Amino acid sequence: MSEMIRSLHNEKFFSVLDLKDGYFQVSHKKEDRDKTAFLSPDNRILHFTRMPQDYKNSPATFQRRMTLMLSGLLGKIWFVI
């Protein structure tokens, strides 16, 4: 942590990325949406069009996508705390 802080000593810009609703930004392929189907209280069949937060593989899928998108930048302009 102290090494990271030292590396930022002369930098001019700092930013924070809020990923609170990040899972909801990941869309499902249309052909895969039926895999998320559930029955509503009024007996309608619904499905997610975006990745829900409480599914077993949601955290791993989200992390994999974030790592892929930011992979060339780790240690250069962004740090994970």
PDB file of N, CA and C in Angstrom:
ATOM      1  N   MET A   1       0.821  -1.182   0.000  1.00  0.00           N
ATOM      2  CA  MET A   1       0.000   0.000   0.000  1.00  0.00           C
ATOM      3  C   MET A   1       0.872   1.254   0.000  1.00  0.00           C
ATOM      4  N   SER A   2       1.911   1.274   0.822  1.00  0.00           N
ATOM      5  CA  SER A   2       2.766   2.463   0.860  1.00  0.00           C
ATOM      6  C   SER A   2       3.489   2.660  -0.470  1.00  0.00           C
ATOM      7  N   GLU A   3       3.846   1.567  -1.144  1.00  0.00           N
ATOM      8  CA  GLU A   3       4.483   1.676  -2.464  1.00  0.00           C
ATOM      9  C   GLU A   3       3.511   2.289  -3.473  1.00  0.00           C
ATOM     10  N   MET A   4       2.260   1.877  -3.402  1.00  0.00           N
ATOM     11  CA  MET A   4       1.249   2.427  -4.295  1.00  0.00           C
ATOM     12  C   MET A   4       1.066   3.921  -4.044  1.00  0.00           C
ATOM     13  N   ILE A   5       1.013   4.310  -2.800  1.00  0.00           N
ATOM     14  CA  ILE A   5       0.848   5.727  -2.455  1.00  0.00           C
ATOM     15  C   ILE A   5       2.044   6.537  -2.940  1.00  0.00           C
ATOM     16  N   ARG A   6       3.263   5.998  -2.779  1.00  0.00           N
ATOM     17  CA  ARG A   6       4.460   6.687  -3.273  1.00  0.00           C
ATOM     18  C   ARG A   6       4.410   6.859  -4.789  1.00  0.00           C
ATOM     19  N   SER A   7       3.917   5.847  -5.498  1.00  0.00           N
ATOM     20  CA  SER A   7       3.876   5.928  -6.961  1.00  0.00           C
ATOM     21  C   SER A   7       2.881   6.986  -7.442  1.00  0.00           C
ATOM     22  N   LEU A   8       1.940   7.361  -6.605  1.00  0.00           N
ATOM     23  CA  LEU A   8       0.941   8.369  -6.967  1.00  0.00           C
ATOM     24  C   LEU A   8       1.315   9.776  -6.509  1.00  0.00           C
ATOM     25  N   HIS A   9       2.472   9.916  -5.892  1.00  0.00           N
ATOM     26  CA  HIS A   9       2.880  11.170  -5.257  1.00  0.00           C
ATOM     27  C   HIS A   9       2.810  12.377  -6.195  1.00  0.00           C
ATOM     28  N   ASN A  10       3.307  12.271  -7.407  1.00  0.00           N
ATOM     29  CA  ASN A  10       3.354  13.419  -8.319  1.00  0.00           C
ATOM     30  C   ASN A  10       2.202  13.462  -9.319  1.00  0.00           C
ATOM     31  N   GLU A  11       1.235  12.600  -9.163  1.00  0.00           N
ATOM     32  CA  GLU A  11       0.116  12.564 -10.105  1.00  0.00           C
ATOM     33  C   GLU A  11      -0.836  13.730  -9.848  1.00  0.00           C
ATOM     34  N   LYS A  12      -1.551  14.130 -10.902  1.00  0.00           N
ATOM     35  CA  LYS A  12      -2.435  15.285 -10.802  1.00  0.00           C
ATOM     36  C   LYS A  12      -3.908  14.917 -10.748  1.00  0.00           C
ATOM     37  N   PHE A  13      -4.262  13.748 -11.269  1.00  0.00           N
ATOM     38  CA  PHE A  13      -5.666  13.363 -11.341  1.00  0.00           C
ATOM     39  C   PHE A  13      -5.894  12.053 -10.603  1.00  0.00           C
ATOM     40  N   PHE A  14      -6.959  12.010  -9.847  1.00  0.00           N
ATOM     41  CA  PHE A  14      -7.354  10.805  -9.137  1.00  0.00           C
ATOM     42  C   PHE A  14      -8.844  10.594  -9.384  1.00  0.00           C
ATOM     43  N   SER A  15      -9.245   9.367  -9.480  1.00  0.00           N
ATOM     44  CA  SER A  15     -10.645   9.070  -9.737  1.00  0.00           C
ATOM     45  C   SER A  15     -11.034   7.798  -9.001  1.00  0.00           C
ATOM     46  N   VAL A  16     -12.310   7.664  -8.775  1.00  0.00           N
ATOM     47  CA  VAL A  16     -12.847   6.467  -8.139  1.00  0.00           C
ATOM     48  C   VAL A  16     -13.906   5.900  -9.068  1.00  0.00           C
ATOM     49  N   LEU A  17     -13.879   4.606  -9.243  1.00  0.00           N
ATOM     50  CA  LEU A  17     -14.861   3.933 -10.084  1.00  0.00           C
ATOM     51  C   LEU A  17     -15.836   3.203  -9.173  1.00  0.00           C
ATOM     52  N   ASP A  18     -17.080   3.621  -9.181  1.00  0.00           N
ATOM     53  CA  ASP A  18     -18.107   3.017  -8.334  1.00  0.00           C
ATOM     54  C   ASP A  18     -18.772   1.885  -9.108  1.00  0.00           C
ATOM     55  N   LEU A  19     -18.573   0.671  -8.641  1.00  0.00           N
ATOM     56  CA  LEU A  19     -19.113  -0.495  -9.328  1.00  0.00           C
ATOM     57  C   LEU A  19     -20.300  -1.096  -8.596  1.00  0.00           C
ATOM     58  N   LYS A  20     -20.967  -0.290  -7.787  1.00  0.00           N
ATOM     59  CA  LYS A  20     -22.088  -0.778  -6.988  1.00  0.00           C
ATOM     60  C   LYS A  20     -23.145  -1.476  -7.846  1.00  0.00           C
ATOM     61  N   ASP A  21     -23.467  -0.912  -8.976  1.00  0.00           N
ATOM     62  CA  ASP A  21     -24.463  -1.502  -9.869  1.00  0.00           C
ATOM     63  C   ASP A  21     -23.822  -2.084 -11.125  1.00  0.00           C
ATOM     64  N   GLY A  22     -22.560  -2.414 -11.034  1.00  0.00           N
ATOM     65  CA  GLY A  22     -21.820  -2.897 -12.195  1.00  0.00           C
ATOM     66  C   GLY A  22     -22.372  -4.160 -12.814  1.00  0.00           C
ATOM     67  N   TYR A  23     -22.880  -5.064 -11.995  1.00  0.00           N
ATOM     68  CA  TYR A  23     -23.422  -6.312 -12.542  1.00  0.00           C
ATOM     69  C   TYR A  23     -24.562  -6.028 -13.515  1.00  0.00           C
ATOM     70  N   PHE A  24     -25.351  -5.011 -13.201  1.00  0.00           N
ATOM     71  CA  PHE A  24     -26.506  -4.695 -14.039  1.00  0.00           C
ATOM     72  C   PHE A  24     -26.114  -4.076 -15.380  1.00  0.00           C
ATOM     73  N   GLN A  25     -24.843  -3.794 -15.575  1.00  0.00           N
ATOM     74  CA  GLN A  25     -24.370  -3.272 -16.858  1.00  0.00           C
ATOM     75  C   GLN A  25     -23.983  -4.395 -17.816  1.00  0.00           C
ATOM     76  N   VAL A  26     -23.920  -5.622 -17.296  1.00  0.00           N
ATOM     77  CA  VAL A  26     -23.541  -6.777 -18.119  1.00  0.00           C
ATOM     78  C   VAL A  26     -24.811  -7.419 -18.667  1.00  0.00           C
ATOM     79  N   SER A  27     -24.983  -7.359 -19.973  1.00  0.00           N
ATOM     80  CA  SER A  27     -26.203  -7.919 -20.564  1.00  0.00           C
ATOM     81  C   SER A  27     -26.024  -9.394 -20.904  1.00  0.00           C
ATOM     82  N   HIS A  28     -27.140 -10.104 -20.931  1.00  0.00           N
ATOM     83  CA  HIS A  28     -27.153 -11.505 -21.352  1.00  0.00           C
ATOM     84  C   HIS A  28     -27.382 -11.559 -22.851  1.00  0.00           C
ATOM     85  N   LYS A  29     -26.812 -12.556 -23.490  1.00  0.00           N
ATOM     86  CA  LYS A  29     -27.139 -12.789 -24.894  1.00  0.00           C
ATOM     87  C   LYS A  29     -28.612 -13.175 -24.959  1.00  0.00           C
ATOM     88  N   LYS A  30     -29.273 -12.764 -26.009  1.00  0.00           N
ATOM     89  CA  LYS A  30     -30.709 -13.027 -26.130  1.00  0.00           C
ATOM     90  C   LYS A  30     -31.016 -14.521 -26.027  1.00  0.00           C
ATOM     91  N   GLU A  31     -30.180 -15.353 -26.635  1.00  0.00           N
ATOM     92  CA  GLU A  31     -30.428 -16.802 -26.619  1.00  0.00           C
ATOM     93  C   GLU A  31     -30.185 -17.433 -25.245  1.00  0.00           C
ATOM     94  N   ASP A  32     -29.546 -16.714 -24.320  1.00  0.00           N
ATOM     95  CA  ASP A  32     -29.275 -17.247 -22.980  1.00  0.00           C
ATOM     96  C   ASP A  32     -30.244 -16.735 -21.916  1.00  0.00           C
ATOM     97  N   ARG A  33     -31.107 -15.830 -22.249  1.00  0.00           N
ATOM     98  CA  ARG A  33     -31.996 -15.220 -21.248  1.00  0.00           C
ATOM     99  C   ARG A  33     -32.965 -16.216 -20.623  1.00  0.00           C
ATOM    100  N   ASP A  34     -33.387 -17.221 -21.374  1.00  0.00           N
ATOM    101  CA  ASP A  34     -34.308 -18.216 -20.815  1.00  0.00           C
ATOM    102  C   ASP A  34     -33.671 -19.005 -19.672  1.00  0.00           C
ATOM    103  N   LYS A  35     -32.360 -19.034 -19.617  1.00  0.00           N
ATOM    104  CA  LYS A  35     -31.661 -19.746 -18.535  1.00  0.00           C
ATOM    105  C   LYS A  35     -31.839 -19.042 -17.195  1.00  0.00           C
ATOM    106  N   THR A  36     -32.280 -17.798 -17.213  1.00  0.00           N
ATOM    107  CA  THR A  36     -32.492 -17.045 -15.970  1.00  0.00           C
ATOM    108  C   THR A  36     -33.970 -16.915 -15.623  1.00  0.00           C
ATOM    109  N   ALA A  37     -34.822 -17.683 -16.283  1.00  0.00           N
ATOM    110  CA  ALA A  37     -36.275 -17.553 -16.109  1.00  0.00           C
ATOM    111  C   ALA A  37     -36.717 -17.939 -14.697  1.00  0.00           C
ATOM    112  N   PHE A  38     -37.748 -17.257 -14.238  1.00  0.00           N
ATOM    113  CA  PHE A  38     -38.362 -17.564 -12.944  1.00  0.00           C
ATOM    114  C   PHE A  38     -39.840 -17.191 -13.009  1.00  0.00           C
ATOM    115  N   LEU A  39     -40.602 -17.733 -12.090  1.00  0.00           N
ATOM    116  CA  LEU A  39     -42.041 -17.499 -12.045  1.00  0.00           C
ATOM    117  C   LEU A  39     -42.339 -16.374 -11.062  1.00  0.00           C
ATOM    118  N   SER A  40     -43.061 -15.373 -11.513  1.00  0.00           N
ATOM    119  CA  SER A  40     -43.410 -14.241 -10.654  1.00  0.00           C
ATOM    120  C   SER A  40     -44.606 -14.621  -9.776  1.00  0.00           C
ATOM    121  N   PRO A  41     -44.889 -13.826  -8.727  1.00  0.00           N
ATOM    122  CA  PRO A  41     -46.033 -14.116  -7.860  1.00  0.00           C
ATOM    123  C   PRO A  41     -47.372 -14.168  -8.601  1.00  0.00           C
ATOM    124  N   ASP A  42     -47.474 -13.457  -9.717  1.00  0.00           N
ATOM    125  CA  ASP A  42     -48.725 -13.495 -10.486  1.00  0.00           C
ATOM    126  C   ASP A  42     -48.651 -14.505 -11.643  1.00  0.00           C
ATOM    127  N   ASN A  43     -47.759 -15.494 -11.497  1.00  0.00           N
ATOM    128  CA  ASN A  43     -47.611 -16.622 -12.431  1.00  0.00           C
ATOM    129  C   ASN A  43     -47.157 -16.237 -13.841  1.00  0.00           C
ATOM    130  N   ARG A  44     -46.449 -15.139 -13.960  1.00  0.00           N
ATOM    131  CA  ARG A  44     -45.839 -14.799 -15.248  1.00  0.00           C
ATOM    132  C   ARG A  44     -44.405 -15.311 -15.257  1.00  0.00           C
ATOM    133  N   ILE A  45     -43.943 -15.746 -16.408  1.00  0.00           N
ATOM    134  CA  ILE A  45     -42.545 -16.172 -16.543  1.00  0.00           C
ATOM    135  C   ILE A  45     -41.718 -14.945 -16.925  1.00  0.00           C
ATOM    136  N   LEU A  46     -40.763 -14.627 -16.084  1.00  0.00           N
ATOM    137  CA  LEU A  46     -39.876 -13.490 -16.307  1.00  0.00           C
ATOM    138  C   LEU A  46     -38.448 -13.997 -16.449  1.00  0.00           C
ATOM    139  N   HIS A  47     -37.592 -13.181 -17.029  1.00  0.00           N
ATOM    140  CA  HIS A  47     -36.173 -13.526 -17.118  1.00  0.00           C
ATOM    141  C   HIS A  47     -35.350 -12.244 -17.051  1.00  0.00           C
ATOM    142  N   PHE A  48     -34.101 -12.411 -16.651  1.00  0.00           N
ATOM    143  CA  PHE A  48     -33.200 -11.272 -16.567  1.00  0.00           C
ATOM    144  C   PHE A  48     -32.637 -10.949 -17.944  1.00  0.00           C
ATOM    145  N   THR A  49     -32.537  -9.667 -18.246  1.00  0.00           N
ATOM    146  CA  THR A  49     -31.844  -9.233 -19.459  1.00  0.00           C
ATOM    147  C   THR A  49     -30.431  -8.770 -19.107  1.00  0.00           C
ATOM    148  N   ARG A  50     -30.210  -8.524 -17.820  1.00  0.00           N
ATOM    149  CA  ARG A  50     -28.899  -8.126 -17.291  1.00  0.00           C
ATOM    150  C   ARG A  50     -28.485  -9.119 -16.217  1.00  0.00           C
ATOM    151  N   MET A  51     -27.206  -9.151 -15.904  1.00  0.00           N
ATOM    152  CA  MET A  51     -26.691 -10.112 -14.938  1.00  0.00           C
ATOM    153  C   MET A  51     -27.136  -9.744 -13.517  1.00  0.00           C
ATOM    154  N   PRO A  52     -27.826 -10.653 -12.833  1.00  0.00           N
ATOM    155  CA  PRO A  52     -28.250 -10.376 -11.457  1.00  0.00           C
ATOM    156  C   PRO A  52     -27.078 -10.521 -10.486  1.00  0.00           C
ATOM    157  N   GLN A  53     -27.187  -9.870  -9.343  1.00  0.00           N
ATOM    158  CA  GLN A  53     -26.107  -9.898  -8.364  1.00  0.00           C
ATOM    159  C   GLN A  53     -26.065 -11.185  -7.549  1.00  0.00           C
ATOM    160  N   ASP A  54     -27.146 -11.895  -7.463  1.00  0.00           N
ATOM    161  CA  ASP A  54     -27.179 -13.033  -6.544  1.00  0.00           C
ATOM    162  C   ASP A  54     -26.984 -14.392  -7.213  1.00  0.00           C
ATOM    163  N   TYR A  55     -26.622 -14.441  -8.472  1.00  0.00           N
ATOM    164  CA  TYR A  55     -26.370 -15.728  -9.116  1.00  0.00           C
ATOM    165  C   TYR A  55     -24.965 -16.211  -8.777  1.00  0.00           C
ATOM    166  N   LYS A  56     -24.800 -17.509  -8.736  1.00  0.00           N
ATOM    167  CA  LYS A  56     -23.549 -18.121  -8.286  1.00  0.00           C
ATOM    168  C   LYS A  56     -22.324 -17.622  -9.046  1.00  0.00           C
ATOM    169  N   ASN A  57     -22.398 -17.520 -10.358  1.00  0.00           N
ATOM    170  CA  ASN A  57     -21.232 -17.157 -11.157  1.00  0.00           C
ATOM    171  C   ASN A  57     -21.147 -15.673 -11.499  1.00  0.00           C
ATOM    172  N   SER A  58     -22.064 -14.867 -10.992  1.00  0.00           N
ATOM    173  CA  SER A  58     -22.032 -13.433 -11.293  1.00  0.00           C
ATOM    174  C   SER A  58     -20.728 -12.765 -10.863  1.00  0.00           C
ATOM    175  N   PRO A  59     -20.228 -13.000  -9.646  1.00  0.00           N
ATOM    176  CA  PRO A  59     -18.975 -12.345  -9.258  1.00  0.00           C
ATOM    177  C   PRO A  59     -17.797 -12.726 -10.156  1.00  0.00           C
ATOM    178  N   ALA A  60     -17.666 -13.999 -10.476  1.00  0.00           N
ATOM    179  CA  ALA A  60     -16.551 -14.443 -11.322  1.00  0.00           C
ATOM    180  C   ALA A  60     -16.675 -13.875 -12.731  1.00  0.00           C
ATOM    181  N   THR A  61     -17.881 -13.857 -13.263  1.00  0.00           N
ATOM    182  CA  THR A  61     -18.101 -13.309 -14.606  1.00  0.00           C
ATOM    183  C   THR A  61     -17.779 -11.821 -14.639  1.00  0.00           C
ATOM    184  N   PHE A  62     -18.247 -11.097 -13.638  1.00  0.00           N
ATOM    185  CA  PHE A  62     -17.996  -9.658 -13.585  1.00  0.00           C
ATOM    186  C   PHE A  62     -16.499  -9.373 -13.436  1.00  0.00           C
ATOM    187  N   GLN A  63     -15.829 -10.102 -12.546  1.00  0.00           N
ATOM    188  CA  GLN A  63     -14.395  -9.897 -12.341  1.00  0.00           C
ATOM    189  C   GLN A  63     -13.611 -10.201 -13.610  1.00  0.00           C
ATOM    190  N   ARG A  64     -13.983 -11.271 -14.297  1.00  0.00           N
ATOM    191  CA  ARG A  64     -13.300 -11.642 -15.541  1.00  0.00           C
ATOM    192  C   ARG A  64     -13.440 -10.529 -16.583  1.00  0.00           C
ATOM    193  N   ARG A  65     -14.624  -9.966 -16.700  1.00  0.00           N
ATOM    194  CA  ARG A  65     -14.841  -8.884 -17.670  1.00  0.00           C
ATOM    195  C   ARG A  65     -14.074  -7.620 -17.295  1.00  0.00           C
ATOM    196  N   MET A  66     -14.066  -7.269 -16.018  1.00  0.00           N
ATOM    197  CA  MET A  66     -13.331  -6.083 -15.579  1.00  0.00           C
ATOM    198  C   MET A  66     -11.831  -6.262 -15.795  1.00  0.00           C
ATOM    199  N   THR A  67     -11.326  -7.439 -15.472  1.00  0.00           N
ATOM    200  CA  THR A  67      -9.902  -7.714 -15.661  1.00  0.00           C
ATOM    201  C   THR A  67      -9.535  -7.630 -17.133  1.00  0.00           C
ATOM    202  N   LEU A  68     -10.378  -8.181 -17.986  1.00  0.00           N
ATOM    203  CA  LEU A  68     -10.130  -8.134 -19.424  1.00  0.00           C
ATOM    204  C   LEU A  68     -10.144  -6.692 -19.946  1.00  0.00           C
ATOM    205  N   MET A  69     -11.125  -5.914 -19.530  1.00  0.00           N
ATOM    206  CA  MET A  69     -11.236  -4.533 -20.021  1.00  0.00           C
ATOM    207  C   MET A  69     -10.092  -3.643 -19.546  1.00  0.00           C
ATOM    208  N   LEU A  70      -9.605  -3.879 -18.323  1.00  0.00           N
ATOM    209  CA  LEU A  70      -8.590  -2.998 -17.746  1.00  0.00           C
ATOM    210  C   LEU A  70      -7.202  -3.627 -17.694  1.00  0.00           C
ATOM    211  N   SER A  71      -7.022  -4.787 -18.316  1.00  0.00           N
ATOM    212  CA  SER A  71      -5.788  -5.565 -18.162  1.00  0.00           C
ATOM    213  C   SER A  71      -4.526  -4.800 -18.538  1.00  0.00           C
ATOM    214  N   GLY A  72      -4.546  -4.015 -19.568  1.00  0.00           N
ATOM    215  CA  GLY A  72      -3.345  -3.295 -19.976  1.00  0.00           C
ATOM    216  C   GLY A  72      -3.014  -2.100 -19.108  1.00  0.00           C
ATOM    217  N   LEU A  73      -3.883  -1.774 -18.178  1.00  0.00           N
ATOM    218  CA  LEU A  73      -3.713  -0.564 -17.374  1.00  0.00           C
ATOM    219  C   LEU A  73      -3.305  -0.826 -15.932  1.00  0.00           C
ATOM    220  N   LEU A  74      -3.380  -2.071 -15.472  1.00  0.00           N
ATOM    221  CA  LEU A  74      -3.077  -2.380 -14.070  1.00  0.00           C
ATOM    222  C   LEU A  74      -1.647  -1.976 -13.730  1.00  0.00           C
ATOM    223  N   GLY A  75      -1.493  -1.197 -12.680  1.00  0.00           N
ATOM    224  CA  GLY A  75      -0.188  -0.736 -12.244  1.00  0.00           C
ATOM    225  C   GLY A  75       0.282   0.514 -12.969  1.00  0.00           C
ATOM    226  N   LYS A  76      -0.361   0.858 -14.069  1.00  0.00           N
ATOM    227  CA  LYS A  76       0.007   2.061 -14.823  1.00  0.00           C
ATOM    228  C   LYS A  76      -0.884   3.227 -14.423  1.00  0.00           C
ATOM    229  N   ILE A  77      -2.193   2.993 -14.501  1.00  0.00           N
ATOM    230  CA  ILE A  77      -3.097   4.091 -14.137  1.00  0.00           C
ATOM    231  C   ILE A  77      -4.190   3.665 -13.172  1.00  0.00           C
ATOM    232  N   TRP A  78      -4.215   2.403 -12.773  1.00  0.00           N
ATOM    233  CA  TRP A  78      -5.239   1.999 -11.802  1.00  0.00           C
ATOM    234  C   TRP A  78      -4.701   0.956 -10.848  1.00  0.00           C
ATOM    235  N   PHE A  79      -5.229   0.986  -9.657  1.00  0.00           N
ATOM    236  CA  PHE A  79      -4.862   0.061  -8.596  1.00  0.00           C
ATOM    237  C   PHE A  79      -6.131  -0.482  -7.968  1.00  0.00           C
ATOM    238  N   VAL A  80      -6.069  -1.714  -7.507  1.00  0.00           N
ATOM    239  CA  VAL A  80      -7.201  -2.321  -6.818  1.00  0.00           C
ATOM    240  C   VAL A  80      -6.889  -2.350  -5.337  1.00  0.00           C
ATOM    241  N   ILE A  81      -7.781  -1.787  -4.546  1.00  0.00           N
ATOM    242  CA  ILE A  81      -7.579  -1.773  -3.088  1.00  0.00           C
ATOM    243  C   ILE A  81      -8.642  -2.630  -2.454  1.00  0.00           C
TER     244      ILE A  81
END
